[in-house]
C-alpha cells in the first residue's frame, strides 16, 4: 500500500496541511472536534504516523554572529546533539540560517519545517521574540535549544540563567562585596536579559543599591570586550570602581580582566570577576576565572531526547526544560 501523505489527507478533509499535521501530532492549537475528524479520515485512508526518523536537522540560527560565530560553547552543544542522535541510530544534518533579514529567510524556514515527518533542533541563541513567528504552527517536530518564546508554544531546552546568577552573586556577598557591577554584552540575547534579571534580584535580596555607572556594555568578542572595557576603565577614576563585576559570559569576563590588568587594576585584589559558561579560555586566564558551569553536551542530548519523545508519543502540550548549572570557584574572586 502506498504511503498516505499529509497533503492527501488535506485534500480529502479540506483542512490545510498545517492543520492536518497538528491534528495528527496531537498539538493543542487544533480543536478536538477538528482533530477527531482529521484523524478519522486519516485512519480510513490507511495513514500511519511515522515512528522512526533517519536524521535530525540541526539549525543554527544566526542573526548577527556576535554570539555564535566565535564561541566554543555552541560546538559542544552540537556534539551533544550528534552523540544522542547516534544512540537513536540517526544521523545529523546541519543548516545555518541568517535571520538578519526575516523576509529573505522566511521561505527557507517554511521549507525546513513544513514536513511533518522532519525532526528539527533549533539553536536559537541569537533569536528574539519577533523571529519565532516564522516557526509558529510548523508541521515538523521541533525543539528550541538555548532560547524560548513567550508568545508561541514550543518545546524548549534552556539553562537556568536567572537562578544561576543568584547563586553566583551570593558568592560575592558572602565574601563581603557590597559594590557589584555588571558587564553586559552589547547584543542583548535572551540569556543575557535573564542573567541581568538575576543580577538585579540578587542585589535586591542582599539589600544592595544598583549603580547604573557600574553597568558596562562590552562587545561580545574577546577583542571588542577588551577594547570597550579598556575605554571604560580609562575614563573612570580608581576610587569609583566597584569591588566586583558579574559578567554575562566568560568571553566578556576574560576581555575585562585583560583590560583591568593592563590599566594597573589588580584582579581579584582590587576588582573581583565572575563569568558564565565555563569555557576553556577562562580556566587559563590570569587569574583563572571563577564562573558558572553550563552542561553543554548535556543540553544538546536533552534536546534530542525531548524530540524523540515527541515523535514516539505525541502530546497536546509543550514544555520548557530548565537545565541546572554548577558553580566553579577558581582565583578571580577575593574577600573584602
C-alpha atoms as a PDB file:
ATOM      1  CA  UNK A   1       0.000   0.000   0.000  1.00  0.00           C
ATOM      2  CA  UNK A   2       1.338   3.402  -0.959  1.00  0.00           C
ATOM      3  CA  UNK A   3       2.193   5.747   1.906  1.00  0.00           C
ATOM      4  CA  UNK A   4      -0.572   8.269   2.566  1.00  0.00           C
ATOM      5  CA  UNK A   5       0.750  11.820   2.781  1.00  0.00           C
ATOM      6  CA  UNK A   6      -0.418  14.757   4.865  1.00  0.00           C
ATOM      7  CA  UNK A   7      -1.242  16.643   1.662  1.00  0.00           C
ATOM      8  CA  UNK A   8      -3.546  13.831   0.522  1.00  0.00           C
ATOM      9  CA  UNK A   9      -5.361  13.947   3.863  1.00  0.00           C
ATOM     10  CA  UNK A  10      -5.524  17.735   3.500  1.00  0.00           C
ATOM     11  CA  UNK A  11      -7.232  17.433   0.116  1.00  0.00           C
ATOM     12  CA  UNK A  12      -9.642  14.808   1.455  1.00  0.00           C
ATOM     13  CA  UNK A  13     -10.665  16.806   4.531  1.00  0.00           C
ATOM     14  CA  UNK A  14     -10.438  20.356   3.192  1.00  0.00           C
ATOM     15  CA  UNK A  15      -8.178  21.417   6.046  1.00  0.00           C
ATOM     16  CA  UNK A  16      -4.746  22.937   5.457  1.00  0.00           C
ATOM     17  CA  UNK A  17      -1.655  20.699   5.597  1.00  0.00           C
ATOM     18  CA  UNK A  18      -0.513  22.547   8.740  1.00  0.00           C
ATOM     19  CA  UNK A  19      -3.849  21.875  10.482  1.00  0.00           C
ATOM     20  CA  UNK A  20      -3.752  18.225   9.425  1.00  0.00           C
ATOM     21  CA  UNK A  21      -0.196  17.836  10.689  1.00  0.00           C
ATOM     22  CA  UNK A  22      -1.038  19.493  14.007  1.00  0.00           C
ATOM     23  CA  UNK A  23      -4.049  17.209  14.460  1.00  0.00           C
ATOM     24  CA  UNK A  24      -2.075  14.069  13.664  1.00  0.00           C
ATOM     25  CA  UNK A  25       0.667  15.157  16.059  1.00  0.00           C
ATOM     26  CA  UNK A  26      -1.852  15.972  18.816  1.00  0.00           C
ATOM     27  CA  UNK A  27      -0.855  19.624  19.042  1.00  0.00           C
ATOM     28  CA  UNK A  28      -3.195  21.792  21.057  1.00  0.00           C
ATOM     29  CA  UNK A  29      -3.765  24.577  18.517  1.00  0.00           C
ATOM     30  CA  UNK A  30      -6.430  22.440  16.757  1.00  0.00           C
ATOM     31  CA  UNK A  31      -9.891  21.989  18.256  1.00  0.00           C
ATOM     32  CA  UNK A  32     -10.695  18.470  19.411  1.00  0.00           C
ATOM     33  CA  UNK A  33     -13.664  18.280  17.034  1.00  0.00           C
ATOM     34  CA  UNK A  34     -11.490  19.153  14.034  1.00  0.00           C
ATOM     35  CA  UNK A  35      -8.710  16.840  15.178  1.00  0.00           C
ATOM     36  CA  UNK A  36     -11.112  13.898  15.523  1.00  0.00           C
ATOM     37  CA  UNK A  37     -12.465  14.453  12.001  1.00  0.00           C
ATOM     38  CA  UNK A  38      -8.946  14.588  10.549  1.00  0.00           C
ATOM     39  CA  UNK A  39      -7.729  11.526  12.439  1.00  0.00           C
ATOM     40  CA  UNK A  40     -10.816   9.541  11.392  1.00  0.00           C
ATOM     41  CA  UNK A  41     -10.215  10.325   7.704  1.00  0.00           C
ATOM     42  CA  UNK A  42      -6.507   9.584   8.067  1.00  0.00           C
ATOM     43  CA  UNK A  43      -7.247   6.199   9.628  1.00  0.00           C
ATOM     44  CA  UNK A  44      -9.715   5.340   6.859  1.00  0.00           C
ATOM     45  CA  UNK A  45      -7.084   6.257   4.259  1.00  0.00           C
ATOM     46  CA  UNK A  46      -4.503   3.995   5.917  1.00  0.00           C
ATOM     47  CA  UNK A  47      -2.279   6.749   7.265  1.00  0.00           C
ATOM     48  CA  UNK A  48       0.497   5.540   9.564  1.00  0.00           C
ATOM     49  CA  UNK A  49       2.162   8.026  11.882  1.00  0.00           C
ATOM     50  CA  UNK A  50       5.952   7.982  11.389  1.00  0.00           C
ATOM     51  CA  UNK A  51       7.611   6.454  14.436  1.00  0.00           C
ATOM     52  CA  UNK A  52      11.152   6.264  13.119  1.00  0.00           C
ATOM     53  CA  UNK A  53      13.419   9.002  11.888  1.00  0.00           C
ATOM     54  CA  UNK A  54      16.558   8.657   9.840  1.00  0.00           C
ATOM     55  CA  UNK A  55      18.022  12.042  10.652  1.00  0.00           C
ATOM     56  CA  UNK A  56      17.752  15.128  12.809  1.00  0.00           C
ATOM     57  CA  UNK A  57      18.275  18.548  11.264  1.00  0.00           C
ATOM     58  CA  UNK A  58      20.291  20.885  13.458  1.00  0.00           C
ATOM     59  CA  UNK A  59      19.542  24.507  12.587  1.00  0.00           C
ATOM     60  CA  UNK A  60      21.995  27.190  13.695  1.00  0.00           C
ATOM     61  CA  UNK A  61      20.067  30.450  13.654  1.00  0.00           C
ATOM     62  CA  UNK A  62      22.428  33.340  13.083  1.00  0.00           C
ATOM     63  CA  UNK A  63      21.278  36.942  13.418  1.00  0.00           C
ATOM     64  CA  UNK A  64      24.492  38.952  13.787  1.00  0.00           C
ATOM     65  CA  UNK A  65      27.024  36.233  14.503  1.00  0.00           C
ATOM     66  CA  UNK A  66      28.109  38.260  17.532  1.00  0.00           C
ATOM     67  CA  UNK A  67      27.449  35.300  19.838  1.00  0.00           C
ATOM     68  CA  UNK A  68      27.561  32.094  17.785  1.00  0.00           C
ATOM     69  CA  UNK A  69      30.437  32.759  15.390  1.00  0.00           C
ATOM     70  CA  UNK A  70      33.398  32.661  17.775  1.00  0.00           C
ATOM     71  CA  UNK A  71      32.079  30.952  20.898  1.00  0.00           C
ATOM     72  CA  UNK A  72      33.292  27.463  21.807  1.00  0.00           C
ATOM     73  CA  UNK A  73      30.001  26.916  23.665  1.00  0.00           C
ATOM     74  CA  UNK A  74      27.959  26.025  20.609  1.00  0.00           C
ATOM     75  CA  UNK A  75      30.273  23.337  19.126  1.00  0.00           C
ATOM     76  CA  UNK A  76      29.982  21.492  22.444  1.00  0.00           C
ATOM     77  CA  UNK A  77      26.176  21.660  22.256  1.00  0.00           C
ATOM     78  CA  UNK A  78      26.304  20.344  18.691  1.00  0.00           C
ATOM     79  CA  UNK A  79      28.478  17.418  19.834  1.00  0.00           C
ATOM     80  CA  UNK A  80      25.796  16.561  22.398  1.00  0.00           C
ATOM     81  CA  UNK A  81      23.099  16.576  19.715  1.00  0.00           C
ATOM     82  CA  UNK A  82      25.172  14.350  17.424  1.00  0.00           C
ATOM     83  CA  UNK A  83      26.044  11.927  20.204  1.00  0.00           C
ATOM     84  CA  UNK A  84      22.439  11.445  21.298  1.00  0.00           C
ATOM     85  CA  UNK A  85      21.236  11.148  17.691  1.00  0.00           C
ATOM     86  CA  UNK A  86      23.726   8.311  17.105  1.00  0.00           C
ATOM     87  CA  UNK A  87      22.381   6.488  20.153  1.00  0.00           C
ATOM     88  CA  UNK A  88      18.995   6.527  18.428  1.00  0.00           C
ATOM     89  CA  UNK A  89      20.537   5.264  15.191  1.00  0.00           C
ATOM     90  CA  UNK A  90      20.142   8.577  13.416  1.00  0.00           C
ATOM     91  CA  UNK A  91      22.412  10.936  11.564  1.00  0.00           C
ATOM     92  CA  UNK A  92      22.545  14.704  11.947  1.00  0.00           C
ATOM     93  CA  UNK A  93      22.395  17.222   9.139  1.00  0.00           C
ATOM     94  CA  UNK A  94      23.323  20.863   9.653  1.00  0.00           C
ATOM     95  CA  UNK A  95      21.766  24.048   8.315  1.00  0.00           C
ATOM     96  CA  UNK A  96      22.791  27.629   9.059  1.00  0.00           C
ATOM     97  CA  UNK A  97      20.108  30.280   8.559  1.00  0.00           C
ATOM     98  CA  UNK A  98      20.658  34.041   8.513  1.00  0.00           C
ATOM     99  CA  UNK A  99      17.869  35.841  10.399  1.00  0.00           C
ATOM    100  CA  UNK A 100      19.188  39.339   9.771  1.00  0.00           C
ATOM    101  CA  UNK A 101      16.549  39.622   7.010  1.00  0.00           C
ATOM    102  CA  UNK A 102      13.303  37.912   8.058  1.00  0.00           C
ATOM    103  CA  UNK A 103      11.653  38.239   4.662  1.00  0.00           C
ATOM    104  CA  UNK A 104      14.615  36.556   2.985  1.00  0.00           C
ATOM    105  CA  UNK A 105      14.833  33.673   5.454  1.00  0.00           C
ATOM    106  CA  UNK A 106      11.071  33.047   5.673  1.00  0.00           C
ATOM    107  CA  UNK A 107      10.849  30.671   2.642  1.00  0.00           C
ATOM    108  CA  UNK A 108      13.898  28.757   3.889  1.00  0.00           C
ATOM    109  CA  UNK A 109      12.270  28.223   7.263  1.00  0.00           C
ATOM    110  CA  UNK A 110       8.975  27.218   5.646  1.00  0.00           C
ATOM    111  CA  UNK A 111      10.724  24.612   3.513  1.00  0.00           C
ATOM    112  CA  UNK A 112      12.588  23.251   6.519  1.00  0.00           C
ATOM    113  CA  UNK A 113       9.685  22.901   8.943  1.00  0.00           C
ATOM    114  CA  UNK A 114       6.858  22.162   6.525  1.00  0.00           C
ATOM    115  CA  UNK A 115       7.480  18.399   6.519  1.00  0.00           C
ATOM    116  CA  UNK A 116       5.533  16.656   9.329  1.00  0.00           C
ATOM    117  CA  UNK A 117       7.998  13.758   9.289  1.00  0.00           C
ATOM    118  CA  UNK A 118      11.011  16.040   9.880  1.00  0.00           C
ATOM    119  CA  UNK A 119      12.747  16.474  13.241  1.00  0.00           C
ATOM    120  CA  UNK A 120      14.460  19.809  13.932  1.00  0.00           C
ATOM    121  CA  UNK A 121      16.636  21.093  16.764  1.00  0.00           C
ATOM    122  CA  UNK A 122      16.790  24.891  16.505  1.00  0.00           C
ATOM    123  CA  UNK A 123      19.768  26.556  18.189  1.00  0.00           C
ATOM    124  CA  UNK A 124      18.147  29.928  18.770  1.00  0.00           C
ATOM    125  CA  UNK A 125      20.738  31.684  20.944  1.00  0.00           C
ATOM    126  CA  UNK A 126      20.652  34.859  18.856  1.00  0.00           C
ATOM    127  CA  UNK A 127      16.919  34.923  18.100  1.00  0.00           C
ATOM    128  CA  UNK A 128      14.452  37.393  19.578  1.00  0.00           C
ATOM    129  CA  UNK A 129      10.707  37.108  20.118  1.00  0.00           C
ATOM    130  CA  UNK A 130       9.963  38.556  16.688  1.00  0.00           C
ATOM    131  CA  UNK A 131      11.846  35.722  14.955  1.00  0.00           C
ATOM    132  CA  UNK A 132       9.817  32.838  16.375  1.00  0.00           C
ATOM    133  CA  UNK A 133       6.728  33.792  14.363  1.00  0.00           C
ATOM    134  CA  UNK A 134       8.376  32.036  11.404  1.00  0.00           C
ATOM    135  CA  UNK A 135       8.155  28.717  13.261  1.00  0.00           C
ATOM    136  CA  UNK A 136       4.626  29.147  14.622  1.00  0.00           C
ATOM    137  CA  UNK A 137       2.361  26.291  13.550  1.00  0.00           C
ATOM    138  CA  UNK A 138       5.197  24.386  11.890  1.00  0.00           C
ATOM    139  CA  UNK A 139       4.430  20.820  10.812  1.00  0.00           C
ATOM    140  CA  UNK A 140       7.818  19.375  11.758  1.00  0.00           C
ATOM    141  CA  UNK A 141       8.754  18.076  15.183  1.00  0.00           C
ATOM    142  CA  UNK A 142      10.670  20.983  16.711  1.00  0.00           C
ATOM    143  CA  UNK A 143      12.683  21.563  19.880  1.00  0.00           C
ATOM    144  CA  UNK A 144      14.154  25.015  20.518  1.00  0.00           C
ATOM    145  CA  UNK A 145      17.573  24.945  22.168  1.00  0.00           C
ATOM    146  CA  UNK A 146      19.200  27.789  24.149  1.00  0.00           C
ATOM    147  CA  UNK A 147      16.252  30.115  23.587  1.00  0.00           C
ATOM    148  CA  UNK A 148      12.499  30.328  24.025  1.00  0.00           C
ATOM    149  CA  UNK A 149       9.370  32.218  23.059  1.00  0.00           C
ATOM    150  CA  UNK A 150       6.916  33.797  25.481  1.00  0.00           C
ATOM    151  CA  UNK A 151       4.414  34.350  22.683  1.00  0.00           C
ATOM    152  CA  UNK A 152       4.360  30.967  20.940  1.00  0.00           C
ATOM    153  CA  UNK A 153       4.330  27.436  22.319  1.00  0.00           C
ATOM    154  CA  UNK A 154       7.466  25.452  21.553  1.00  0.00           C
ATOM    155  CA  UNK A 155       9.279  22.705  23.381  1.00  0.00           C
ATOM    156  CA  UNK A 156      12.464  24.364  24.615  1.00  0.00           C
ATOM    157  CA  UNK A 157      15.634  23.419  26.472  1.00  0.00           C
ATOM    158  CA  UNK A 158      17.427  26.306  28.193  1.00  0.00           C
ATOM    159  CA  UNK A 159      19.885  26.952  31.007  1.00  0.00           C
ATOM    160  CA  UNK A 160      18.655  28.064  34.413  1.00  0.00           C
ATOM    161  CA  UNK A 161      20.035  31.551  33.805  1.00  0.00           C
ATOM    162  CA  UNK A 162      18.379  33.618  36.486  1.00  0.00           C
ATOM    163  CA  UNK A 163      18.821  31.197  39.363  1.00  0.00           C
ATOM    164  CA  UNK A 164      22.431  30.521  38.402  1.00  0.00           C
ATOM    165  CA  UNK A 165      23.269  34.224  38.612  1.00  0.00           C
ATOM    166  CA  UNK A 166      21.567  34.471  42.005  1.00  0.00           C
ATOM    167  CA  UNK A 167      23.918  31.788  43.338  1.00  0.00           C
ATOM    168  CA  UNK A 168      26.957  33.409  41.731  1.00  0.00           C
ATOM    169  CA  UNK A 169      26.098  36.791  43.215  1.00  0.00           C
ATOM    170  CA  UNK A 170      25.759  35.234  46.670  1.00  0.00           C
ATOM    171  CA  UNK A 171      29.379  34.151  46.313  1.00  0.00           C
ATOM    172  CA  UNK A 172      30.279  37.834  46.073  1.00  0.00           C
ATOM    173  CA  UNK A 173      28.172  38.927  49.021  1.00  0.00           C
ATOM    174  CA  UNK A 174      29.368  36.071  51.213  1.00  0.00           C
ATOM    175  CA  UNK A 175      32.889  37.389  50.649  1.00  0.00           C
ATOM    176  CA  UNK A 176      31.975  40.881  51.722  1.00  0.00           C
ATOM    177  CA  UNK A 177      31.320  42.588  48.378  1.00  0.00           C
ATOM    178  CA  UNK A 178      28.740  45.377  48.508  1.00  0.00           C
ATOM    179  CA  UNK A 179      29.618  47.307  45.340  1.00  0.00           C
ATOM    180  CA  UNK A 180      28.935  44.912  42.465  1.00  0.00           C
ATOM    181  CA  UNK A 181      28.838  45.950  38.822  1.00  0.00           C
ATOM    182  CA  UNK A 182      27.549  44.224  35.712  1.00  0.00           C
ATOM    183  CA  UNK A 183      29.416  43.520  32.459  1.00  0.00           C
ATOM    184  CA  UNK A 184      26.681  43.377  29.816  1.00  0.00           C
ATOM    185  CA  UNK A 185      27.101  42.057  26.286  1.00  0.00           C
ATOM    186  CA  UNK A 186      26.023  44.768  23.865  1.00  0.00           C
ATOM    187  CA  UNK A 187      23.925  42.288  21.864  1.00  0.00           C
ATOM    188  CA  UNK A 188      21.120  41.551  24.355  1.00  0.00           C
ATOM    189  CA  UNK A 189      20.179  37.954  23.662  1.00  0.00           C
ATOM    190  CA  UNK A 190      17.501  36.338  25.834  1.00  0.00           C
ATOM    191  CA  UNK A 191      20.076  34.562  28.001  1.00  0.00           C
ATOM    192  CA  UNK A 192      21.793  37.850  28.826  1.00  0.00           C
ATOM    193  CA  UNK A 193      18.492  39.517  29.695  1.00  0.00           C
ATOM    194  CA  UNK A 194      17.613  36.649  32.038  1.00  0.00           C
ATOM    195  CA  UNK A 195      21.046  36.839  33.664  1.00  0.00           C
ATOM    196  CA  UNK A 196      20.639  40.560  34.215  1.00  0.00           C
ATOM    197  CA  UNK A 197      17.313  39.906  35.923  1.00  0.00           C
ATOM    198  CA  UNK A 198      19.134  37.508  38.224  1.00  0.00           C
ATOM    199  CA  UNK A 199      21.724  40.196  38.957  1.00  0.00           C
ATOM    200  CA  UNK A 200      19.044  42.706  39.979  1.00  0.00           C
ATOM    201  CA  UNK A 201      17.201  40.119  42.056  1.00  0.00           C
ATOM    202  CA  UNK A 202      20.428  39.327  43.877  1.00  0.00           C
ATOM    203  CA  UNK A 203      21.062  42.994  44.652  1.00  0.00           C
ATOM    204  CA  UNK A 204      17.521  43.357  45.988  1.00  0.00           C
ATOM    205  CA  UNK A 205      17.795  40.228  48.131  1.00  0.00           C
ATOM    206  CA  UNK A 206      21.077  41.438  49.614  1.00  0.00           C
ATOM    207  CA  UNK A 207      19.730  44.956  50.183  1.00  0.00           C
ATOM    208  CA  UNK A 208      22.359  46.459  47.876  1.00  0.00           C
ATOM    209  CA  UNK A 209      21.921  49.565  45.742  1.00  0.00           C
ATOM    210  CA  UNK A 210      22.108  49.389  41.961  1.00  0.00           C
ATOM    211  CA  UNK A 211      24.565  51.878  40.470  1.00  0.00           C
ATOM    212  CA  UNK A 212      23.954  52.404  36.733  1.00  0.00           C
ATOM    213  CA  UNK A 213      27.516  53.714  36.377  1.00  0.00           C
ATOM    214  CA  UNK A 214      28.715  50.169  37.071  1.00  0.00           C
ATOM    215  CA  UNK A 215      26.728  48.625  34.227  1.00  0.00           C
ATOM    216  CA  UNK A 216      29.329  48.446  31.479  1.00  0.00           C
ATOM    217  CA  UNK A 217      28.340  47.362  27.958  1.00  0.00           C
ATOM    218  CA  UNK A 218      31.030  45.406  26.147  1.00  0.00           C
ATOM    219  CA  UNK A 219      31.371  43.880  22.710  1.00  0.00           C
ATOM    220  CA  UNK A 220      30.783  40.137  22.650  1.00  0.00           C
ATOM    221  CA  UNK A 221      34.133  39.066  21.161  1.00  0.00           C
ATOM    222  CA  UNK A 222      37.318  38.860  23.207  1.00  0.00           C
ATOM    223  CA  UNK A 223      38.889  41.769  21.383  1.00  0.00           C
ATOM    224  CA  UNK A 224      35.846  44.043  21.491  1.00  0.00           C
ATOM    225  CA  UNK A 225      35.207  43.220  25.166  1.00  0.00           C
ATOM    226  CA  UNK A 226      38.816  44.113  25.961  1.00  0.00           C
ATOM    227  CA  UNK A 227      38.709  47.363  23.963  1.00  0.00           C
ATOM    228  CA  UNK A 228      35.398  48.516  25.447  1.00  0.00           C
ATOM    229  CA  UNK A 229      36.483  47.699  28.986  1.00  0.00           C
ATOM    230  CA  UNK A 230      39.814  49.458  28.479  1.00  0.00           C
ATOM    231  CA  UNK A 231      37.991  52.595  27.354  1.00  0.00           C
ATOM    232  CA  UNK A 232      35.663  52.479  30.367  1.00  0.00           C
ATOM    233  CA  UNK A 233      38.478  51.944  32.860  1.00  0.00           C
ATOM    234  CA  UNK A 234      40.470  54.801  31.341  1.00  0.00           C
ATOM    235  CA  UNK A 235      37.507  57.146  31.848  1.00  0.00           C
ATOM    236  CA  UNK A 236      36.669  56.001  35.390  1.00  0.00           C
ATOM    237  CA  UNK A 237      38.556  57.245  38.500  1.00  0.00           C
ATOM    238  CA  UNK A 238      40.032  54.398  40.537  1.00  0.00           C
ATOM    239  CA  UNK A 239      38.054  55.347  43.640  1.00  0.00           C
ATOM    240  CA  UNK A 240      34.822  54.971  41.648  1.00  0.00           C
ATOM    241  CA  UNK A 241      35.373  51.359  40.595  1.00  0.00           C
ATOM    242  CA  UNK A 242      33.123  48.674  42.108  1.00  0.00           C
ATOM    243  CA  UNK A 243      34.817  45.900  44.058  1.00  0.00           C
ATOM    244  CA  UNK A 244      33.340  43.194  41.799  1.00  0.00           C
ATOM    245  CA  UNK A 245      31.730  42.546  38.425  1.00  0.00           C
ATOM    246  CA  UNK A 246      29.405  39.799  37.276  1.00  0.00           C
ATOM    247  CA  UNK A 247      29.817  39.212  33.511  1.00  0.00           C
ATOM    248  CA  UNK A 248      27.199  37.930  31.064  1.00  0.00           C
ATOM    249  CA  UNK A 249      29.665  35.270  29.916  1.00  0.00           C
ATOM    250  CA  UNK A 250      33.292  34.174  30.105  1.00  0.00           C
ATOM    251  CA  UNK A 251      34.283  35.999  26.924  1.00  0.00           C
ATOM    252  CA  UNK A 252      33.324  39.335  28.456  1.00  0.00           C
ATOM    253  CA  UNK A 253      34.958  38.414  31.757  1.00  0.00           C
ATOM    254  CA  UNK A 254      38.306  37.433  30.238  1.00  0.00           C
ATOM    255  CA  UNK A 255      38.389  40.508  27.990  1.00  0.00           C
ATOM    256  CA  UNK A 256      37.656  42.677  31.021  1.00  0.00           C
ATOM    257  CA  UNK A 257      40.370  41.015  33.121  1.00  0.00           C
ATOM    258  CA  UNK A 258      42.944  41.819  30.465  1.00  0.00           C
ATOM    259  CA  UNK A 259      41.833  45.466  30.278  1.00  0.00           C
ATOM    260  CA  UNK A 260      41.822  45.898  34.049  1.00  0.00           C
ATOM    261  CA  UNK A 261      45.218  44.286  34.458  1.00  0.00           C
ATOM    262  CA  UNK A 262      46.815  46.433  31.762  1.00  0.00           C
ATOM    263  CA  UNK A 263      45.370  49.529  33.472  1.00  0.00           C
ATOM    264  CA  UNK A 264      47.033  48.548  36.739  1.00  0.00           C
ATOM    265  CA  UNK A 265      43.846  47.328  38.414  1.00  0.00           C
ATOM    266  CA  UNK A 266      44.569  44.029  40.135  1.00  0.00           C
ATOM    267  CA  UNK A 267      42.196  41.096  39.705  1.00  0.00           C
ATOM    268  CA  UNK A 268      40.985  39.936  42.200  1.00  0.00           C
ATOM    269  CA  UNK A 269      42.660  42.131  44.843  1.00  0.00           C
ATOM    270  CA  UNK A 270      41.114  45.372  43.570  1.00  0.00           C
ATOM    271  CA  UNK A 271      38.222  44.067  41.461  1.00  0.00           C
ATOM    272  CA  UNK A 272      36.795  40.531  41.516  1.00  0.00           C
ATOM    273  CA  UNK A 273      35.053  38.978  38.496  1.00  0.00           C
ATOM    274  CA  UNK A 274      32.687  36.045  37.895  1.00  0.00           C
ATOM    275  CA  UNK A 275      31.769  34.779  34.415  1.00  0.00           C
ATOM    276  CA  UNK A 276      29.206  32.388  32.940  1.00  0.00           C
ATOM    277  CA  UNK A 277      29.550  29.288  30.681  1.00  0.00           C
ATOM    278  CA  UNK A 278      32.848  27.804  31.957  1.00  0.00           C
ATOM    279  CA  UNK A 279      34.703  27.976  28.653  1.00  0.00           C
ATOM    280  CA  UNK A 280      38.272  26.668  28.420  1.00  0.00           C
ATOM    281  CA  UNK A 281      39.646  30.184  27.966  1.00  0.00           C
ATOM    282  CA  UNK A 282      38.506  31.085  31.479  1.00  0.00           C
ATOM    283  CA  UNK A 283      40.408  28.240  33.102  1.00  0.00           C
ATOM    284  CA  UNK A 284      43.623  29.519  31.512  1.00  0.00           C
ATOM    285  CA  UNK A 285      43.127  33.245  32.055  1.00  0.00           C
ATOM    286  CA  UNK A 286      45.238  35.145  34.585  1.00  0.00           C
ATOM    287  CA  UNK A 287      43.894  34.702  37.185  1.00  0.00           C
ATOM    288  CA  UNK A 288      41.810  31.601  36.386  1.00  0.00           C
ATOM    289  CA  UNK A 289      38.180  32.653  36.164  1.00  0.00           C
ATOM    290  CA  UNK A 290      35.509  31.798  38.710  1.00  0.00           C
ATOM    291  CA  UNK A 291      32.407  31.019  36.682  1.00  0.00           C
ATOM    292  CA  UNK A 292      29.114  29.194  36.217  1.00  0.00           C
ATOM    293  CA  UNK A 293      29.471  25.821  34.504  1.00  0.00           C
ATOM    294  CA  UNK A 294      26.891  25.029  31.837  1.00  0.00           C
ATOM    295  CA  UNK A 295      26.318  21.373  30.907  1.00  0.00           C
ATOM    296  CA  UNK A 296      26.949  21.971  27.223  1.00  0.00           C
ATOM    297  CA  UNK A 297      26.905  18.411  25.875  1.00  0.00           C
ATOM    298  CA  UNK A 298      24.005  17.523  28.103  1.00  0.00           C
ATOM    299  CA  UNK A 299      21.676  20.301  26.878  1.00  0.00           C
ATOM    300  CA  UNK A 300      22.170  19.022  23.329  1.00  0.00           C
ATOM    301  CA  UNK A 301      21.425  15.478  24.410  1.00  0.00           C
ATOM    302  CA  UNK A 302      18.317  16.540  26.332  1.00  0.00           C
ATOM    303  CA  UNK A 303      17.005  18.358  23.244  1.00  0.00           C
ATOM    304  CA  UNK A 304      17.279  15.166  21.179  1.00  0.00           C
ATOM    305  CA  UNK A 305      15.625  13.057  23.873  1.00  0.00           C
ATOM    306  CA  UNK A 306      12.758  15.534  24.051  1.00  0.00           C
ATOM    307  CA  UNK A 307      12.457  15.419  20.274  1.00  0.00           C
ATOM    308  CA  UNK A 308      12.322  11.622  20.189  1.00  0.00           C
ATOM    309  CA  UNK A 309       9.762  11.577  22.987  1.00  0.00           C
ATOM    310  CA  UNK A 310       7.537  13.901  20.975  1.00  0.00           C
ATOM    311  CA  UNK A 311       7.873  11.747  17.850  1.00  0.00           C
ATOM    312  CA  UNK A 312       7.085   8.482  19.617  1.00  0.00           C
ATOM    313  CA  UNK A 313       4.464   9.859  21.990  1.00  0.00           C
ATOM    314  CA  UNK A 314       2.790  12.994  20.583  1.00  0.00           C
ATOM    315  CA  UNK A 315       1.204  15.258  23.180  1.00  0.00           C
ATOM    316  CA  UNK A 316      -1.030  18.311  23.324  1.00  0.00           C
ATOM    317  CA  UNK A 317       1.266  20.471  25.440  1.00  0.00           C
ATOM    318  CA  UNK A 318       4.776  21.861  25.301  1.00  0.00           C
ATOM    319  CA  UNK A 319       7.443  22.020  27.996  1.00  0.00           C
ATOM    320  CA  UNK A 320      10.269  24.417  28.751  1.00  0.00           C
ATOM    321  CA  UNK A 321      13.102  22.472  30.365  1.00  0.00           C
ATOM    322  CA  UNK A 322      15.500  24.397  32.615  1.00  0.00           C
ATOM    323  CA  UNK A 323      18.871  22.667  32.849  1.00  0.00           C
ATOM    324  CA  UNK A 324      20.741  23.338  36.075  1.00  0.00           C
ATOM    325  CA  UNK A 325      24.305  24.628  36.301  1.00  0.00           C
ATOM    326  CA  UNK A 326      27.014  24.417  38.933  1.00  0.00           C
ATOM    327  CA  UNK A 327      29.436  26.945  40.340  1.00  0.00           C
ATOM    328  CA  UNK A 328      33.183  26.695  39.626  1.00  0.00           C
ATOM    329  CA  UNK A 329      35.401  28.549  42.096  1.00  0.00           C
ATOM    330  CA  UNK A 330      38.865  29.483  40.868  1.00  0.00           C
ATOM    331  CA  UNK A 331      41.001  32.547  41.604  1.00  0.00           C
ATOM    332  CA  UNK A 332      39.178  35.626  40.272  1.00  0.00           C
ATOM    333  CA  UNK A 333      37.254  36.459  43.467  1.00  0.00           C
ATOM    334  CA  UNK A 334      38.847  37.849  46.652  1.00  0.00           C
ATOM    335  CA  UNK A 335      37.283  38.534  50.042  1.00  0.00           C
ATOM    336  CA  UNK A 336      36.811  42.132  51.156  1.00  0.00           C
END
